Amino acid sequence: MITVEFSNGETTEVQVKKVKQLFKELNLKENSVIVVRNDELLTEDDILNDGDKIKIISVVSGG
C-alpha cells in the first residue's frame, strides 16, 4: 500500500503502481497538484513502490 498525505493533513492508503494511476484513483487533476516522495518531485510516469509515503501538494497560482 502507498500512504498518501494531503496538504490539509488528511491521509489515505491506495494500491497503485504509477503516479498517473494515483491521479485517477483519487480523482485529482494533474495540473492542480504536485506529488512528492522523499522531497523529490514525481512525474505522472514515475513508479510507486509498496510502502512509499507520498505527499500531495495543491498548486496555487495568482497574479
PDB file of N, CA and C in Angstrom:
ATOM      1  N   MET A   1       0.830  -1.181   0.000  1.00  0.00           N
ATOM      2  CA  MET A   1       0.000   0.000   0.000  1.00  0.00           C
ATOM      3  C   MET A   1       0.879   1.250   0.000  1.00  0.00           C
ATOM      4  N   ILE A   2       0.347   2.291  -0.618  1.00  0.00           N
ATOM      5  CA  ILE A   2       1.000   3.594  -0.667  1.00  0.00           C
ATOM      6  C   ILE A   2       0.249   4.507   0.299  1.00  0.00           C
ATOM      7  N   THR A   3       0.974   5.158   1.192  1.00  0.00           N
ATOM      8  CA  THR A   3       0.363   6.119   2.100  1.00  0.00           C
ATOM      9  C   THR A   3       0.439   7.496   1.462  1.00  0.00           C
ATOM     10  N   VAL A   4      -0.723   8.152   1.374  1.00  0.00           N
ATOM     11  CA  VAL A   4      -0.817   9.470   0.745  1.00  0.00           C
ATOM     12  C   VAL A   4      -1.207  10.486   1.813  1.00  0.00           C
ATOM     13  N   GLU A   5      -0.424  11.554   1.906  1.00  0.00           N
ATOM     14  CA  GLU A   5      -0.741  12.651   2.819  1.00  0.00           C
ATOM     15  C   GLU A   5      -1.067  13.885   1.995  1.00  0.00           C
ATOM     16  N   PHE A   6      -2.209  14.486   2.284  1.00  0.00           N
ATOM     17  CA  PHE A   6      -2.630  15.697   1.593  1.00  0.00           C
ATOM     18  C   PHE A   6      -2.140  16.918   2.350  1.00  0.00           C
ATOM     19  N   SER A   7      -2.120  18.071   1.684  1.00  0.00           N
ATOM     20  CA  SER A   7      -1.612  19.291   2.302  1.00  0.00           C
ATOM     21  C   SER A   7      -2.442  19.738   3.504  1.00  0.00           C
ATOM     22  N   ASN A   8      -3.688  19.248   3.623  1.00  0.00           N
ATOM     23  CA  ASN A   8      -4.526  19.593   4.781  1.00  0.00           C
ATOM     24  C   ASN A   8      -4.301  18.646   5.960  1.00  0.00           C
ATOM     25  N   GLY A   9      -3.368  17.698   5.817  1.00  0.00           N
ATOM     26  CA  GLY A   9      -3.043  16.779   6.899  1.00  0.00           C
ATOM     27  C   GLY A   9      -3.765  15.448   6.837  1.00  0.00           C
ATOM     28  N   GLU A  10      -4.794  15.340   5.988  1.00  0.00           N
ATOM     29  CA  GLU A  10      -5.509  14.064   5.844  1.00  0.00           C
ATOM     30  C   GLU A  10      -4.596  13.032   5.196  1.00  0.00           C
ATOM     31  N   THR A  11      -4.810  11.761   5.541  1.00  0.00           N
ATOM     32  CA  THR A  11      -4.060  10.683   4.918  1.00  0.00           C
ATOM     33  C   THR A  11      -5.016   9.597   4.432  1.00  0.00           C
ATOM     34  N   THR A  12      -4.554   8.854   3.447  1.00  0.00           N
ATOM     35  CA  THR A  12      -5.295   7.712   2.937  1.00  0.00           C
ATOM     36  C   THR A  12      -4.283   6.712   2.397  1.00  0.00           C
ATOM     37  N   GLU A  13      -4.720   5.510   2.133  1.00  0.00           N
ATOM     38  CA  GLU A  13      -3.857   4.493   1.543  1.00  0.00           C
ATOM     39  C   GLU A  13      -4.462   4.031   0.235  1.00  0.00           C
ATOM     40  N   VAL A  14      -3.614   3.835  -0.757  1.00  0.00           N
ATOM     41  CA  VAL A  14      -4.051   3.362  -2.067  1.00  0.00           C
ATOM     42  C   VAL A  14      -3.107   2.267  -2.536  1.00  0.00           C
ATOM     43  N   GLN A  15      -3.560   1.528  -3.522  1.00  0.00           N
ATOM     44  CA  GLN A  15      -2.723   0.478  -4.090  1.00  0.00           C
ATOM     45  C   GLN A  15      -2.664   0.690  -5.596  1.00  0.00           C
ATOM     46  N   VAL A  16      -1.665   1.480  -6.015  1.00  0.00           N
ATOM     47  CA  VAL A  16      -1.451   1.781  -7.425  1.00  0.00           C
ATOM     48  C   VAL A  16       0.028   1.598  -7.742  1.00  0.00           C
ATOM     49  N   LYS A  17       0.358   1.534  -9.015  1.00  0.00           N
ATOM     50  CA  LYS A  17       1.745   1.309  -9.436  1.00  0.00           C
ATOM     51  C   LYS A  17       2.430   2.569  -9.951  1.00  0.00           C
ATOM     52  N   LYS A  18       1.639   3.509 -10.525  1.00  0.00           N
ATOM     53  CA  LYS A  18       2.207   4.719 -11.101  1.00  0.00           C
ATOM     54  C   LYS A  18       1.468   5.949 -10.593  1.00  0.00           C
ATOM     55  N   VAL A  19       2.152   7.076 -10.653  1.00  0.00           N
ATOM     56  CA  VAL A  19       1.548   8.335 -10.233  1.00  0.00           C
ATOM     57  C   VAL A  19       0.308   8.629 -11.070  1.00  0.00           C
ATOM     58  N   LYS A  20       0.359   8.313 -12.361  1.00  0.00           N
ATOM     59  CA  LYS A  20      -0.790   8.538 -13.244  1.00  0.00           C
ATOM     60  C   LYS A  20      -2.028   7.810 -12.725  1.00  0.00           C
ATOM     61  N   GLN A  21      -1.859   6.602 -12.231  1.00  0.00           N
ATOM     62  CA  GLN A  21      -2.969   5.836 -11.661  1.00  0.00           C
ATOM     63  C   GLN A  21      -3.453   6.468 -10.358  1.00  0.00           C
ATOM     64  N   LEU A  22      -2.536   7.062  -9.621  1.00  0.00           N
ATOM     65  CA  LEU A  22      -2.885   7.742  -8.373  1.00  0.00           C
ATOM     66  C   LEU A  22      -3.856   8.893  -8.645  1.00  0.00           C
ATOM     67  N   PHE A  23      -3.580   9.660  -9.697  1.00  0.00           N
ATOM     68  CA  PHE A  23      -4.479  10.757 -10.063  1.00  0.00           C
ATOM     69  C   PHE A  23      -5.889  10.247 -10.315  1.00  0.00           C
ATOM     70  N   LYS A  24      -6.000   9.150 -11.051  1.00  0.00           N
ATOM     71  CA  LYS A  24      -7.319   8.586 -11.350  1.00  0.00           C
ATOM     72  C   LYS A  24      -7.993   8.046 -10.094  1.00  0.00           C
ATOM     73  N   GLU A  25      -7.239   7.327  -9.278  1.00  0.00           N
ATOM     74  CA  GLU A  25      -7.778   6.711  -8.062  1.00  0.00           C
ATOM     75  C   GLU A  25      -8.337   7.758  -7.090  1.00  0.00           C
ATOM     76  N   LEU A  26      -7.633   8.889  -6.988  1.00  0.00           N
ATOM     77  CA  LEU A  26      -8.032   9.926  -6.036  1.00  0.00           C
ATOM     78  C   LEU A  26      -8.819  11.063  -6.697  1.00  0.00           C
ATOM     79  N   ASN A  27      -9.109  10.907  -7.994  1.00  0.00           N
ATOM     80  CA  ASN A  27      -9.877  11.903  -8.737  1.00  0.00           C
ATOM     81  C   ASN A  27      -9.221  13.284  -8.674  1.00  0.00           C
ATOM     82  N   LEU A  28      -7.914  13.314  -8.981  1.00  0.00           N
ATOM     83  CA  LEU A  28      -7.144  14.555  -8.959  1.00  0.00           C
ATOM     84  C   LEU A  28      -6.783  14.963 -10.384  1.00  0.00           C
ATOM     85  N   LYS A  29      -6.660  16.271 -10.610  1.00  0.00           N
ATOM     86  CA  LYS A  29      -6.217  16.792 -11.901  1.00  0.00           C
ATOM     87  C   LYS A  29      -4.709  17.003 -11.842  1.00  0.00           C
ATOM     88  N   GLU A  30      -4.014  16.517 -12.890  1.00  0.00           N
ATOM     89  CA  GLU A  30      -2.550  16.581 -12.902  1.00  0.00           C
ATOM     90  C   GLU A  30      -2.007  17.994 -12.772  1.00  0.00           C
ATOM     91  N   ASN A  31      -2.745  18.983 -13.291  1.00  0.00           N
ATOM     92  CA  ASN A  31      -2.231  20.350 -13.273  1.00  0.00           C
ATOM     93  C   ASN A  31      -2.637  21.128 -12.020  1.00  0.00           C
ATOM     94  N   SER A  32      -3.283  20.472 -11.061  1.00  0.00           N
ATOM     95  CA  SER A  32      -3.710  21.180  -9.854  1.00  0.00           C
ATOM     96  C   SER A  32      -2.937  20.754  -8.598  1.00  0.00           C
ATOM     97  N   VAL A  33      -2.113  19.711  -8.710  1.00  0.00           N
ATOM     98  CA  VAL A  33      -1.334  19.235  -7.562  1.00  0.00           C
ATOM     99  C   VAL A  33       0.057  18.785  -8.017  1.00  0.00           C
ATOM    100  N   ILE A  34       0.969  18.714  -7.040  1.00  0.00           N
ATOM    101  CA  ILE A  34       2.253  18.063  -7.288  1.00  0.00           C
ATOM    102  C   ILE A  34       2.368  16.895  -6.316  1.00  0.00           C
ATOM    103  N   VAL A  35       3.114  15.887  -6.735  1.00  0.00           N
ATOM    104  CA  VAL A  35       3.298  14.677  -5.933  1.00  0.00           C
ATOM    105  C   VAL A  35       4.769  14.607  -5.539  1.00  0.00           C
ATOM    106  N   VAL A  36       5.018  14.429  -4.233  1.00  0.00           N
ATOM    107  CA  VAL A  36       6.380  14.436  -3.705  1.00  0.00           C
ATOM    108  C   VAL A  36       6.631  13.169  -2.898  1.00  0.00           C
ATOM    109  N   ARG A  37       7.806  12.576  -3.112  1.00  0.00           N
ATOM    110  CA  ARG A  37       8.254  11.415  -2.319  1.00  0.00           C
ATOM    111  C   ARG A  37       9.689  11.700  -1.880  1.00  0.00           C
ATOM    112  N   ASN A  38       9.932  11.672  -0.584  1.00  0.00           N
ATOM    113  CA  ASN A  38      11.283  11.927  -0.041  1.00  0.00           C
ATOM    114  C   ASN A  38      11.866  13.234  -0.576  1.00  0.00           C
ATOM    115  N   ASP A  39      11.064  14.290  -0.570  1.00  0.00           N
ATOM    116  CA  ASP A  39      11.477  15.617  -1.039  1.00  0.00           C
ATOM    117  C   ASP A  39      11.830  15.640  -2.529  1.00  0.00           C
ATOM    118  N   GLU A  40      11.373  14.660  -3.289  1.00  0.00           N
ATOM    119  CA  GLU A  40      11.616  14.590  -4.727  1.00  0.00           C
ATOM    120  C   GLU A  40      10.296  14.703  -5.478  1.00  0.00           C
ATOM    121  N   LEU A  41      10.229  15.628  -6.417  1.00  0.00           N
ATOM    122  CA  LEU A  41       9.052  15.828  -7.234  1.00  0.00           C
ATOM    123  C   LEU A  41       8.884  14.645  -8.182  1.00  0.00           C
ATOM    124  N   LEU A  42       7.680  14.075  -8.248  1.00  0.00           N
ATOM    125  CA  LEU A  42       7.405  12.938  -9.121  1.00  0.00           C
ATOM    126  C   LEU A  42       6.598  13.373 -10.338  1.00  0.00           C
ATOM    127  N   THR A  43       6.809  12.679 -11.449  1.00  0.00           N
ATOM    128  CA  THR A  43       6.012  12.914 -12.650  1.00  0.00           C
ATOM    129  C   THR A  43       4.956  11.826 -12.749  1.00  0.00           C
ATOM    130  N   GLU A  44       4.013  12.005 -13.655  1.00  0.00           N
ATOM    131  CA  GLU A  44       2.920  11.036 -13.771  1.00  0.00           C
ATOM    132  C   GLU A  44       3.399   9.655 -14.205  1.00  0.00           C
ATOM    133  N   ASP A  45       4.582   9.550 -14.791  1.00  0.00           N
ATOM    134  CA  ASP A  45       5.102   8.251 -15.234  1.00  0.00           C
ATOM    135  C   ASP A  45       5.970   7.550 -14.200  1.00  0.00           C
ATOM    136  N   ASP A  46       6.236   8.205 -13.074  1.00  0.00           N
ATOM    137  CA  ASP A  46       7.065   7.583 -12.036  1.00  0.00           C
ATOM    138  C   ASP A  46       6.338   6.404 -11.394  1.00  0.00           C
ATOM    139  N   ILE A  47       7.124   5.401 -11.023  1.00  0.00           N
ATOM    140  CA  ILE A  47       6.599   4.188 -10.415  1.00  0.00           C
ATOM    141  C   ILE A  47       6.571   4.350  -8.898  1.00  0.00           C
ATOM    142  N   LEU A  48       5.480   3.905  -8.298  1.00  0.00           N
ATOM    143  CA  LEU A  48       5.337   3.914  -6.843  1.00  0.00           C
ATOM    144  C   LEU A  48       5.570   2.509  -6.316  1.00  0.00           C
ATOM    145  N   ASN A  49       6.190   2.421  -5.162  1.00  0.00           N
ATOM    146  CA  ASN A  49       6.511   1.132  -4.559  1.00  0.00           C
ATOM    147  C   ASN A  49       5.707   0.922  -3.286  1.00  0.00           C
ATOM    148  N   ASP A  50       5.392  -0.332  -3.005  1.00  0.00           N
ATOM    149  CA  ASP A  50       4.687  -0.678  -1.781  1.00  0.00           C
ATOM    150  C   ASP A  50       5.456  -0.108  -0.591  1.00  0.00           C
ATOM    151  N   GLY A  51       4.759   0.580   0.288  1.00  0.00           N
ATOM    152  CA  GLY A  51       5.389   1.171   1.462  1.00  0.00           C
ATOM    153  C   GLY A  51       5.784   2.630   1.279  1.00  0.00           C
ATOM    154  N   ASP A  52       5.675   3.149   0.042  1.00  0.00           N
ATOM    155  CA  ASP A  52       6.003   4.556  -0.189  1.00  0.00           C
ATOM    156  C   ASP A  52       5.082   5.462   0.620  1.00  0.00           C
ATOM    157  N   LYS A  53       5.625   6.576   1.054  1.00  0.00           N
ATOM    158  CA  LYS A  53       4.850   7.632   1.701  1.00  0.00           C
ATOM    159  C   LYS A  53       5.027   8.866   0.834  1.00  0.00           C
ATOM    160  N   ILE A  54       3.919   9.326   0.261  1.00  0.00           N
ATOM    161  CA  ILE A  54       3.992  10.467  -0.633  1.00  0.00           C
ATOM    162  C   ILE A  54       3.115  11.597  -0.126  1.00  0.00           C
ATOM    163  N   LYS A  55       3.401  12.790  -0.611  1.00  0.00           N
ATOM    164  CA  LYS A  55       2.609  13.963  -0.258  1.00  0.00           C
ATOM    165  C   LYS A  55       1.987  14.540  -1.525  1.00  0.00           C
ATOM    166  N   ILE A  56       0.728  14.944  -1.399  1.00  0.00           N
ATOM    167  CA  ILE A  56       0.020  15.638  -2.459  1.00  0.00           C
ATOM    168  C   ILE A  56      -0.085  17.094  -2.041  1.00  0.00           C
ATOM    169  N   ILE A  57       0.493  17.986  -2.840  1.00  0.00           N
ATOM    170  CA  ILE A  57       0.500  19.404  -2.507  1.00  0.00           C
ATOM    171  C   ILE A  57      -0.286  20.164  -3.566  1.00  0.00           C
ATOM    172  N   SER A  58      -1.266  20.935  -3.112  1.00  0.00           N
ATOM    173  CA  SER A  58      -2.075  21.735  -4.026  1.00  0.00           C
ATOM    174  C   SER A  58      -1.245  22.867  -4.603  1.00  0.00           C
ATOM    175  N   VAL A  59      -1.426  23.101  -5.907  1.00  0.00           N
ATOM    176  CA  VAL A  59      -0.732  24.181  -6.594  1.00  0.00           C
ATOM    177  C   VAL A  59      -1.635  25.403  -6.563  1.00  0.00           C
ATOM    178  N   VAL A  60      -1.080  26.523  -6.123  1.00  0.00           N
ATOM    179  CA  VAL A  60      -1.833  27.767  -6.062  1.00  0.00           C
ATOM    180  C   VAL A  60      -1.115  28.779  -6.943  1.00  0.00           C
ATOM    181  N   SER A  61      -1.876  29.421  -7.816  1.00  0.00           N
ATOM    182  CA  SER A  61      -1.288  30.453  -8.655  1.00  0.00           C
ATOM    183  C   SER A  61      -2.133  31.704  -8.595  1.00  0.00           C
ATOM    184  N   GLY A  62      -1.538  32.773  -8.886  1.00  0.00           N
ATOM    185  CA  GLY A  62      -2.268  34.030  -8.867  1.00  0.00           C
ATOM    186  C   GLY A  62      -1.472  35.107  -9.555  1.00  0.00           C
ATOM    187  N   GLY A  63      -2.058  36.255  -9.644  1.00  0.00           N
ATOM    188  CA  GLY A  63      -1.366  37.318 -10.349  1.00  0.00           C
ATOM    189  C   GLY A  63      -1.313  38.593  -9.587  1.00  0.00           C
TER     190      GLY A  63
END
